[in-house]
Amino acid sequence: MARKGENIGIEQCFRERGRWKAGWNVLCSKNNGYGGCPPLEDCPDHDCCGSTFLAHQPDFVAQKCALEEVVDRHNALHGTNHEIDFLPKFHCAL
């Protein structure tokens, strides 16, 4: 059931689509608690937890961030060729 503008969370989203697996957590120990997915060799089937499974769905992987979409629209409307370069976060130890 679609809810316009309402965040329902990973678990509820998968439950409504019949994709939630018994024994899953939203995050698992392999996920490290920071929202990052484990490398492919640590979880080749991507089904250790809901977060990892979601992060490897083709439509999720292909989704651009909001800033990229805004720049793409601007380029299309104005015939420009602006690009975004995402730089690493600054850290005092670097």
PDB file of N, CA and C in Angstrom:
ATOM      1  N   MET A   1       0.851  -1.179   0.000  1.00  0.00           N
ATOM      2  CA  MET A   1       0.000   0.000   0.000  1.00  0.00           C
ATOM      3  C   MET A   1       0.893   1.237   0.000  1.00  0.00           C
ATOM      4  N   ALA A   2       0.786   2.050  -1.015  1.00  0.00           N
ATOM      5  CA  ALA A   2       1.599   3.263  -1.128  1.00  0.00           C
ATOM      6  C   ALA A   2       1.089   4.338  -0.168  1.00  0.00           C
ATOM      7  N   ARG A   3       2.024   5.001   0.474  1.00  0.00           N
ATOM      8  CA  ARG A   3       1.695   6.103   1.385  1.00  0.00           C
ATOM      9  C   ARG A   3       2.487   7.302   0.929  1.00  0.00           C
ATOM     10  N   LYS A   4       1.854   8.241   0.328  1.00  0.00           N
ATOM     11  CA  LYS A   4       2.543   9.395  -0.237  1.00  0.00           C
ATOM     12  C   LYS A   4       3.227  10.211   0.853  1.00  0.00           C
ATOM     13  N   GLY A   5       4.555  10.303   0.745  1.00  0.00           N
ATOM     14  CA  GLY A   5       5.326  11.132   1.662  1.00  0.00           C
ATOM     15  C   GLY A   5       5.567  10.546   3.033  1.00  0.00           C
ATOM     16  N   GLU A   6       5.130   9.321   3.293  1.00  0.00           N
ATOM     17  CA  GLU A   6       5.298   8.728   4.622  1.00  0.00           C
ATOM     18  C   GLU A   6       6.428   7.701   4.587  1.00  0.00           C
ATOM     19  N   ASN A   7       7.373   7.805   5.516  1.00  0.00           N
ATOM     20  CA  ASN A   7       8.453   6.837   5.628  1.00  0.00           C
ATOM     21  C   ASN A   7       7.950   5.659   6.448  1.00  0.00           C
ATOM     22  N   ILE A   8       7.911   4.480   5.840  1.00  0.00           N
ATOM     23  CA  ILE A   8       7.395   3.311   6.554  1.00  0.00           C
ATOM     24  C   ILE A   8       8.507   2.382   7.013  1.00  0.00           C
ATOM     25  N   GLY A   9       9.719   2.612   6.571  1.00  0.00           N
ATOM     26  CA  GLY A   9      10.851   1.807   6.999  1.00  0.00           C
ATOM     27  C   GLY A   9      11.053   0.570   6.134  1.00  0.00           C
ATOM     28  N   ILE A  10      12.259   0.016   6.249  1.00  0.00           N
ATOM     29  CA  ILE A  10      12.644  -1.123   5.425  1.00  0.00           C
ATOM     30  C   ILE A  10      11.783  -2.349   5.708  1.00  0.00           C
ATOM     31  N   GLU A  11      11.631  -2.692   6.976  1.00  0.00           N
ATOM     32  CA  GLU A  11      10.888  -3.909   7.312  1.00  0.00           C
ATOM     33  C   GLU A  11       9.456  -3.854   6.809  1.00  0.00           C
ATOM     34  N   GLN A  12       8.747  -2.766   7.090  1.00  0.00           N
ATOM     35  CA  GLN A  12       7.352  -2.655   6.665  1.00  0.00           C
ATOM     36  C   GLN A  12       7.236  -2.656   5.142  1.00  0.00           C
ATOM     37  N   CYS A  13       8.164  -2.002   4.480  1.00  0.00           N
ATOM     38  CA  CYS A  13       8.168  -1.968   3.019  1.00  0.00           C
ATOM     39  C   CYS A  13       8.268  -3.382   2.446  1.00  0.00           C
ATOM     40  N   PHE A  14       9.224  -4.164   2.945  1.00  0.00           N
ATOM     41  CA  PHE A  14       9.382  -5.536   2.456  1.00  0.00           C
ATOM     42  C   PHE A  14       8.220  -6.432   2.876  1.00  0.00           C
ATOM     43  N   ARG A  15       7.681  -6.229   4.076  1.00  0.00           N
ATOM     44  CA  ARG A  15       6.528  -7.047   4.501  1.00  0.00           C
ATOM     45  C   ARG A  15       5.334  -6.823   3.577  1.00  0.00           C
ATOM     46  N   GLU A  16       5.075  -5.580   3.222  1.00  0.00           N
ATOM     47  CA  GLU A  16       3.941  -5.278   2.346  1.00  0.00           C
ATOM     48  C   GLU A  16       4.122  -5.859   0.949  1.00  0.00           C
ATOM     49  N   ARG A  17       5.355  -6.103   0.565  1.00  0.00           N
ATOM     50  CA  ARG A  17       5.635  -6.668  -0.761  1.00  0.00           C
ATOM     51  C   ARG A  17       5.912  -8.166  -0.721  1.00  0.00           C
ATOM     52  N   GLY A  18       5.785  -8.759   0.478  1.00  0.00           N
ATOM     53  CA  GLY A  18       6.014 -10.187   0.627  1.00  0.00           C
ATOM     54  C   GLY A  18       7.463 -10.600   0.472  1.00  0.00           C
ATOM     55  N   ARG A  19       8.389  -9.694   0.733  1.00  0.00           N
ATOM     56  CA  ARG A  19       9.818  -9.984   0.541  1.00  0.00           C
ATOM     57  C   ARG A  19      10.585 -10.121   1.862  1.00  0.00           C
ATOM     58  N   TRP A  20       9.943  -9.881   3.016  1.00  0.00           N
ATOM     59  CA  TRP A  20      10.635  -9.962   4.298  1.00  0.00           C
ATOM     60  C   TRP A  20      10.852 -11.430   4.651  1.00  0.00           C
ATOM     61  N   LYS A  21      12.077 -11.782   5.082  1.00  0.00           N
ATOM     62  CA  LYS A  21      12.416 -13.161   5.402  1.00  0.00           C
ATOM     63  C   LYS A  21      12.439 -13.367   6.906  1.00  0.00           C
ATOM     64  N   ALA A  22      11.920 -14.512   7.351  1.00  0.00           N
ATOM     65  CA  ALA A  22      11.928 -14.855   8.768  1.00  0.00           C
ATOM     66  C   ALA A  22      13.372 -14.867   9.275  1.00  0.00           C
ATOM     67  N   GLY A  23      13.596 -14.275  10.424  1.00  0.00           N
ATOM     68  CA  GLY A  23      14.919 -14.250  11.022  1.00  0.00           C
ATOM     69  C   GLY A  23      15.760 -13.040  10.654  1.00  0.00           C
ATOM     70  N   TRP A  24      15.282 -12.249   9.722  1.00  0.00           N
ATOM     71  CA  TRP A  24      16.011 -11.037   9.341  1.00  0.00           C
ATOM     72  C   TRP A  24      15.908  -9.981  10.413  1.00  0.00           C
ATOM     73  N   ASN A  25      16.918  -9.134  10.506  1.00  0.00           N
ATOM     74  CA  ASN A  25      16.864  -7.878  11.229  1.00  0.00           C
ATOM     75  C   ASN A  25      16.991  -6.779  10.180  1.00  0.00           C
ATOM     76  N   VAL A  26      16.689  -5.551  10.550  1.00  0.00           N
ATOM     77  CA  VAL A  26      16.878  -4.455   9.608  1.00  0.00           C
ATOM     78  C   VAL A  26      18.370  -4.294   9.317  1.00  0.00           C
ATOM     79  N   LEU A  27      19.212  -4.354  10.341  1.00  0.00           N
ATOM     80  CA  LEU A  27      20.672  -4.333  10.199  1.00  0.00           C
ATOM     81  C   LEU A  27      21.234  -5.583  10.857  1.00  0.00           C
ATOM     82  N   CYS A  28      22.309  -6.108  10.342  1.00  0.00           N
ATOM     83  CA  CYS A  28      22.946  -7.265  10.974  1.00  0.00           C
ATOM     84  C   CYS A  28      24.363  -6.910  11.401  1.00  0.00           C
ATOM     85  N   SER A  29      25.021  -7.849  12.029  1.00  0.00           N
ATOM     86  CA  SER A  29      26.377  -7.598  12.507  1.00  0.00           C
ATOM     87  C   SER A  29      27.350  -7.346  11.361  1.00  0.00           C
ATOM     88  N   LYS A  30      27.112  -7.931  10.195  1.00  0.00           N
ATOM     89  CA  LYS A  30      27.985  -7.702   9.042  1.00  0.00           C
ATOM     90  C   LYS A  30      27.847  -6.269   8.533  1.00  0.00           C
ATOM     91  N   ASN A  31      26.714  -5.624   8.821  1.00  0.00           N
ATOM     92  CA  ASN A  31      26.436  -4.293   8.305  1.00  0.00           C
ATOM     93  C   ASN A  31      27.208  -3.218   9.046  1.00  0.00           C
ATOM     94  N   ASN A  32      27.766  -3.513  10.169  1.00  0.00           N
ATOM     95  CA  ASN A  32      28.623  -2.664  11.008  1.00  0.00           C
ATOM     96  C   ASN A  32      27.907  -1.501  11.696  1.00  0.00           C
ATOM     97  N   GLY A  33      26.601  -1.416  11.597  1.00  0.00           N
ATOM     98  CA  GLY A  33      25.851  -0.391  12.310  1.00  0.00           C
ATOM     99  C   GLY A  33      25.923   0.997  11.726  1.00  0.00           C
ATOM    100  N   TYR A  34      26.654   1.183  10.640  1.00  0.00           N
ATOM    101  CA  TYR A  34      26.802   2.499  10.046  1.00  0.00           C
ATOM    102  C   TYR A  34      26.038   2.621   8.737  1.00  0.00           C
ATOM    103  N   GLY A  35      25.233   1.646   8.398  1.00  0.00           N
ATOM    104  CA  GLY A  35      24.462   1.710   7.171  1.00  0.00           C
ATOM    105  C   GLY A  35      25.209   1.232   5.952  1.00  0.00           C
ATOM    106  N   GLY A  36      26.454   0.831   6.126  1.00  0.00           N
ATOM    107  CA  GLY A  36      27.218   0.324   4.992  1.00  0.00           C
ATOM    108  C   GLY A  36      26.957  -1.146   4.781  1.00  0.00           C
ATOM    109  N   CYS A  37      27.010  -1.594   3.548  1.00  0.00           N
ATOM    110  CA  CYS A  37      26.785  -3.002   3.240  1.00  0.00           C
ATOM    111  C   CYS A  37      28.096  -3.757   3.289  1.00  0.00           C
ATOM    112  N   PRO A  38      28.030  -5.033   3.643  1.00  0.00           N
ATOM    113  CA  PRO A  38      29.253  -5.815   3.625  1.00  0.00           C
ATOM    114  C   PRO A  38      29.725  -6.048   2.191  1.00  0.00           C
ATOM    115  N   PRO A  39      31.008  -6.320   1.999  1.00  0.00           N
ATOM    116  CA  PRO A  39      31.497  -6.614   0.652  1.00  0.00           C
ATOM    117  C   PRO A  39      30.838  -7.875   0.102  1.00  0.00           C
ATOM    118  N   LEU A  40      30.812  -8.007  -1.212  1.00  0.00           N
ATOM    119  CA  LEU A  40      30.168  -9.152  -1.855  1.00  0.00           C
ATOM    120  C   LEU A  40      30.678 -10.479  -1.317  1.00  0.00           C
ATOM    121  N   GLU A  41      31.974 -10.578  -1.068  1.00  0.00           N
ATOM    122  CA  GLU A  41      32.517 -11.859  -0.612  1.00  0.00           C
ATOM    123  C   GLU A  41      32.014 -12.238   0.782  1.00  0.00           C
ATOM    124  N   ASP A  42      31.586 -11.264   1.596  1.00  0.00           N
ATOM    125  CA  ASP A  42      31.060 -11.556   2.927  1.00  0.00           C
ATOM    126  C   ASP A  42      29.580 -11.910   2.905  1.00  0.00           C
ATOM    127  N   CYS A  43      28.897 -11.525   1.862  1.00  0.00           N
ATOM    128  CA  CYS A  43      27.456 -11.776   1.795  1.00  0.00           C
ATOM    129  C   CYS A  43      27.053 -11.900   0.320  1.00  0.00           C
ATOM    130  N   PRO A  44      27.460 -12.973  -0.349  1.00  0.00           N
ATOM    131  CA  PRO A  44      27.247 -13.071  -1.797  1.00  0.00           C
ATOM    132  C   PRO A  44      25.787 -13.081  -2.230  1.00  0.00           C
ATOM    133  N   ASP A  45      24.886 -13.544  -1.361  1.00  0.00           N
ATOM    134  CA  ASP A  45      23.476 -13.587  -1.760  1.00  0.00           C
ATOM    135  C   ASP A  45      22.702 -12.358  -1.285  1.00  0.00           C
ATOM    136  N   HIS A  46      23.356 -11.435  -0.613  1.00  0.00           N
ATOM    137  CA  HIS A  46      22.768 -10.156  -0.174  1.00  0.00           C
ATOM    138  C   HIS A  46      21.527 -10.335   0.694  1.00  0.00           C
ATOM    139  N   ASP A  47      21.405 -11.430   1.406  1.00  0.00           N
ATOM    140  CA  ASP A  47      20.195 -11.569   2.216  1.00  0.00           C
ATOM    141  C   ASP A  47      20.493 -11.822   3.691  1.00  0.00           C
ATOM    142  N   CYS A  48      21.570 -11.194   4.200  1.00  0.00           N
ATOM    143  CA  CYS A  48      21.892 -11.330   5.617  1.00  0.00           C
ATOM    144  C   CYS A  48      20.992 -10.446   6.486  1.00  0.00           C
ATOM    145  N   CYS A  49      20.480  -9.342   5.901  1.00  0.00           N
ATOM    146  CA  CYS A  49      19.580  -8.451   6.632  1.00  0.00           C
ATOM    147  C   CYS A  49      18.803  -7.610   5.617  1.00  0.00           C
ATOM    148  N   GLY A  50      17.774  -6.931   6.082  1.00  0.00           N
ATOM    149  CA  GLY A  50      16.947  -6.128   5.201  1.00  0.00           C
ATOM    150  C   GLY A  50      17.692  -4.983   4.551  1.00  0.00           C
ATOM    151  N   SER A  51      18.589  -4.347   5.278  1.00  0.00           N
ATOM    152  CA  SER A  51      19.319  -3.203   4.754  1.00  0.00           C
ATOM    153  C   SER A  51      20.235  -3.601   3.598  1.00  0.00           C
ATOM    154  N   THR A  52      20.954  -4.704   3.758  1.00  0.00           N
ATOM    155  CA  THR A  52      21.850  -5.176   2.705  1.00  0.00           C
ATOM    156  C   THR A  52      21.056  -5.618   1.483  1.00  0.00           C
ATOM    157  N   PHE A  53      19.951  -6.327   1.711  1.00  0.00           N
ATOM    158  CA  PHE A  53      19.114  -6.779   0.595  1.00  0.00           C
ATOM    159  C   PHE A  53      18.601  -5.581  -0.195  1.00  0.00           C
ATOM    160  N   LEU A  54      18.126  -4.555   0.502  1.00  0.00           N
ATOM    161  CA  LEU A  54      17.629  -3.350  -0.163  1.00  0.00           C
ATOM    162  C   LEU A  54      18.745  -2.647  -0.944  1.00  0.00           C
ATOM    163  N   ALA A  55      19.913  -2.531  -0.348  1.00  0.00           N
ATOM    164  CA  ALA A  55      21.022  -1.810  -0.979  1.00  0.00           C
ATOM    165  C   ALA A  55      21.502  -2.461  -2.266  1.00  0.00           C
ATOM    166  N   HIS A  56      21.182  -3.722  -2.478  1.00  0.00           N
ATOM    167  CA  HIS A  56      21.612  -4.421  -3.690  1.00  0.00           C
ATOM    168  C   HIS A  56      20.487  -4.626  -4.698  1.00  0.00           C
ATOM    169  N   GLN A  57      19.324  -4.017  -4.477  1.00  0.00           N
ATOM    170  CA  GLN A  57      18.239  -4.098  -5.454  1.00  0.00           C
ATOM    171  C   GLN A  57      18.581  -3.191  -6.635  1.00  0.00           C
ATOM    172  N   PRO A  58      18.389  -3.662  -7.870  1.00  0.00           N
ATOM    173  CA  PRO A  58      18.795  -2.883  -9.050  1.00  0.00           C
ATOM    174  C   PRO A  58      18.195  -1.477  -9.100  1.00  0.00           C
ATOM    175  N   ASP A  59      16.927  -1.319  -8.751  1.00  0.00           N
ATOM    176  CA  ASP A  59      16.325   0.017  -8.818  1.00  0.00           C
ATOM    177  C   ASP A  59      16.894   0.939  -7.740  1.00  0.00           C
ATOM    178  N   PHE A  60      17.280   0.388  -6.598  1.00  0.00           N
ATOM    179  CA  PHE A  60      17.876   1.175  -5.529  1.00  0.00           C
ATOM    180  C   PHE A  60      19.282   1.617  -5.922  1.00  0.00           C
ATOM    181  N   VAL A  61      20.052   0.717  -6.521  1.00  0.00           N
ATOM    182  CA  VAL A  61      21.421   1.015  -6.953  1.00  0.00           C
ATOM    183  C   VAL A  61      21.420   2.076  -8.051  1.00  0.00           C
ATOM    184  N   ALA A  62      20.443   2.008  -8.947  1.00  0.00           N
ATOM    185  CA  ALA A  62      20.398   2.921 -10.090  1.00  0.00           C
ATOM    186  C   ALA A  62      19.885   4.318  -9.730  1.00  0.00           C
ATOM    187  N   GLN A  63      19.266   4.481  -8.558  1.00  0.00           N
ATOM    188  CA  GLN A  63      18.682   5.764  -8.175  1.00  0.00           C
ATOM    189  C   GLN A  63      19.756   6.809  -7.932  1.00  0.00           C
ATOM    190  N   LYS A  64      19.653   7.943  -8.597  1.00  0.00           N
ATOM    191  CA  LYS A  64      20.571   9.053  -8.373  1.00  0.00           C
ATOM    192  C   LYS A  64      20.162   9.798  -7.106  1.00  0.00           C
ATOM    193  N   CYS A  65      21.104  10.498  -6.505  1.00  0.00           N
ATOM    194  CA  CYS A  65      20.770  11.319  -5.343  1.00  0.00           C
ATOM    195  C   CYS A  65      20.009  12.556  -5.822  1.00  0.00           C
ATOM    196  N   ALA A  66      19.328  13.224  -4.904  1.00  0.00           N
ATOM    197  CA  ALA A  66      18.484  14.372  -5.246  1.00  0.00           C
ATOM    198  C   ALA A  66      19.298  15.482  -5.909  1.00  0.00           C
ATOM    199  N   LEU A  67      20.514  15.724  -5.448  1.00  0.00           N
ATOM    200  CA  LEU A  67      21.344  16.777  -6.028  1.00  0.00           C
ATOM    201  C   LEU A  67      21.673  16.469  -7.494  1.00  0.00           C
ATOM    202  N   GLU A  68      21.999  15.211  -7.790  1.00  0.00           N
ATOM    203  CA  GLU A  68      22.283  14.826  -9.175  1.00  0.00           C
ATOM    204  C   GLU A  68      21.053  15.009 -10.061  1.00  0.00           C
ATOM    205  N   GLU A  69      19.874  14.691  -9.545  1.00  0.00           N
ATOM    206  CA  GLU A  69      18.649  14.866 -10.326  1.00  0.00           C
ATOM    207  C   GLU A  69      18.382  16.335 -10.621  1.00  0.00           C
ATOM    208  N   VAL A  70      18.631  17.216  -9.647  1.00  0.00           N
ATOM    209  CA  VAL A  70      18.433  18.653  -9.839  1.00  0.00           C
ATOM    210  C   VAL A  70      19.390  19.178 -10.919  1.00  0.00           C
ATOM    211  N   VAL A  71      20.658  18.768 -10.847  1.00  0.00           N
ATOM    212  CA  VAL A  71      21.635  19.213 -11.835  1.00  0.00           C
ATOM    213  C   VAL A  71      21.287  18.676 -13.221  1.00  0.00           C
ATOM    214  N   ASP A  72      20.856  17.432 -13.311  1.00  0.00           N
ATOM    215  CA  ASP A  72      20.451  16.864 -14.602  1.00  0.00           C
ATOM    216  C   ASP A  72      19.276  17.629 -15.210  1.00  0.00           C
ATOM    217  N   ARG A  73      18.294  17.982 -14.375  1.00  0.00           N
ATOM    218  CA  ARG A  73      17.141  18.769 -14.864  1.00  0.00           C
ATOM    219  C   ARG A  73      17.601  20.141 -15.346  1.00  0.00           C
ATOM    220  N   HIS A  74      18.471  20.776 -14.569  1.00  0.00           N
ATOM    221  CA  HIS A  74      18.996  22.091 -14.943  1.00  0.00           C
ATOM    222  C   HIS A  74      19.738  22.011 -16.278  1.00  0.00           C
ATOM    223  N   ASN A  75      20.583  21.004 -16.430  1.00  0.00           N
ATOM    224  CA  ASN A  75      21.323  20.827 -17.684  1.00  0.00           C
ATOM    225  C   ASN A  75      20.375  20.632 -18.862  1.00  0.00           C
ATOM    226  N   ALA A  76      19.334  19.849 -18.679  1.00  0.00           N
ATOM    227  CA  ALA A  76      18.379  19.587 -19.760  1.00  0.00           C
ATOM    228  C   ALA A  76      17.599  20.856 -20.130  1.00  0.00           C
ATOM    229  N   LEU A  77      17.216  21.633 -19.129  1.00  0.00           N
ATOM    230  CA  LEU A  77      16.425  22.842 -19.386  1.00  0.00           C
ATOM    231  C   LEU A  77      17.249  23.964 -20.008  1.00  0.00           C
ATOM    232  N   HIS A  78      18.507  24.086 -19.591  1.00  0.00           N
ATOM    233  CA  HIS A  78      19.313  25.234 -19.992  1.00  0.00           C
ATOM    234  C   HIS A  78      20.443  24.900 -20.964  1.00  0.00           C
ATOM    235  N   GLY A  79      20.529  23.644 -21.381  1.00  0.00           N
ATOM    236  CA  GLY A  79      21.563  23.250 -22.325  1.00  0.00           C
ATOM    237  C   GLY A  79      22.977  23.358 -21.763  1.00  0.00           C
ATOM    238  N   THR A  80      23.103  23.249 -20.468  1.00  0.00           N
ATOM    239  CA  THR A  80      24.426  23.326 -19.832  1.00  0.00           C
ATOM    240  C   THR A  80      24.980  21.917 -19.631  1.00  0.00           C
ATOM    241  N   ASN A  81      26.189  21.857 -19.152  1.00  0.00           N
ATOM    242  CA  ASN A  81      26.817  20.556 -18.929  1.00  0.00           C
ATOM    243  C   ASN A  81      27.513  20.542 -17.568  1.00  0.00           C
ATOM    244  N   HIS A  82      26.789  20.957 -16.527  1.00  0.00           N
ATOM    245  CA  HIS A  82      27.353  20.961 -15.174  1.00  0.00           C
ATOM    246  C   HIS A  82      27.515  19.531 -14.681  1.00  0.00           C
ATOM    247  N   GLU A  83      28.561  19.305 -13.911  1.00  0.00           N
ATOM    248  CA  GLU A  83      28.816  17.990 -13.326  1.00  0.00           C
ATOM    249  C   GLU A  83      29.021  18.143 -11.827  1.00  0.00           C
ATOM    250  N   ILE A  84      28.822  17.055 -11.106  1.00  0.00           N
ATOM    251  CA  ILE A  84      29.042  17.036  -9.663  1.00  0.00           C
ATOM    252  C   ILE A  84      30.202  16.100  -9.376  1.00  0.00           C
ATOM    253  N   ASP A  85      31.148  16.573  -8.607  1.00  0.00           N
ATOM    254  CA  ASP A  85      32.238  15.721  -8.135  1.00  0.00           C
ATOM    255  C   ASP A  85      32.093  15.594  -6.631  1.00  0.00           C
ATOM    256  N   PHE A  86      31.827  14.382  -6.165  1.00  0.00           N
ATOM    257  CA  PHE A  86      31.729  14.152  -4.738  1.00  0.00           C
ATOM    258  C   PHE A  86      33.122  13.860  -4.196  1.00  0.00           C
ATOM    259  N   LEU A  87      33.605  14.729  -3.322  1.00  0.00           N
ATOM    260  CA  LEU A  87      34.925  14.593  -2.742  1.00  0.00           C
ATOM    261  C   LEU A  87      34.824  13.887  -1.394  1.00  0.00           C
ATOM    262  N   PRO A  88      35.909  13.243  -0.969  1.00  0.00           N
ATOM    263  CA  PRO A  88      35.873  12.585   0.332  1.00  0.00           C
ATOM    264  C   PRO A  88      35.669  13.608   1.442  1.00  0.00           C
ATOM    265  N   LYS A  89      35.073  13.155   2.535  1.00  0.00           N
ATOM    266  CA  LYS A  89      34.891  14.041   3.678  1.00  0.00           C
ATOM    267  C   LYS A  89      36.253  14.398   4.261  1.00  0.00           C
ATOM    268  N   PHE A  90      36.343  15.598   4.781  1.00  0.00           N
ATOM    269  CA  PHE A  90      37.587  16.039   5.390  1.00  0.00           C
ATOM    270  C   PHE A  90      37.775  15.353   6.726  1.00  0.00           C
ATOM    271  N   HIS A  91      38.983  14.958   7.011  1.00  0.00           N
ATOM    272  CA  HIS A  91      39.323  14.416   8.321  1.00  0.00           C
ATOM    273  C   HIS A  91      40.685  14.972   8.713  1.00  0.00           C
ATOM    274  N   CYS A  92      40.820  15.418   9.937  1.00  0.00           N
ATOM    275  CA  CYS A  92      42.044  16.075  10.373  1.00  0.00           C
ATOM    276  C   CYS A  92      43.275  15.181  10.253  1.00  0.00           C
ATOM    277  N   ALA A  93      43.102  13.869  10.211  1.00  0.00           N
ATOM    278  CA  ALA A  93      44.237  12.959  10.120  1.00  0.00           C
ATOM    279  C   ALA A  93      44.725  12.787   8.678  1.00  0.00           C
ATOM    280  N   LEU A  94      44.010  13.339   7.717  1.00  0.00           N
ATOM    281  CA  LEU A  94      44.428  13.165   6.316  1.00  0.00           C
ATOM    282  C   LEU A  94      45.460  14.197   5.914  1.00  0.00           C
TER     283      LEU A  94
END
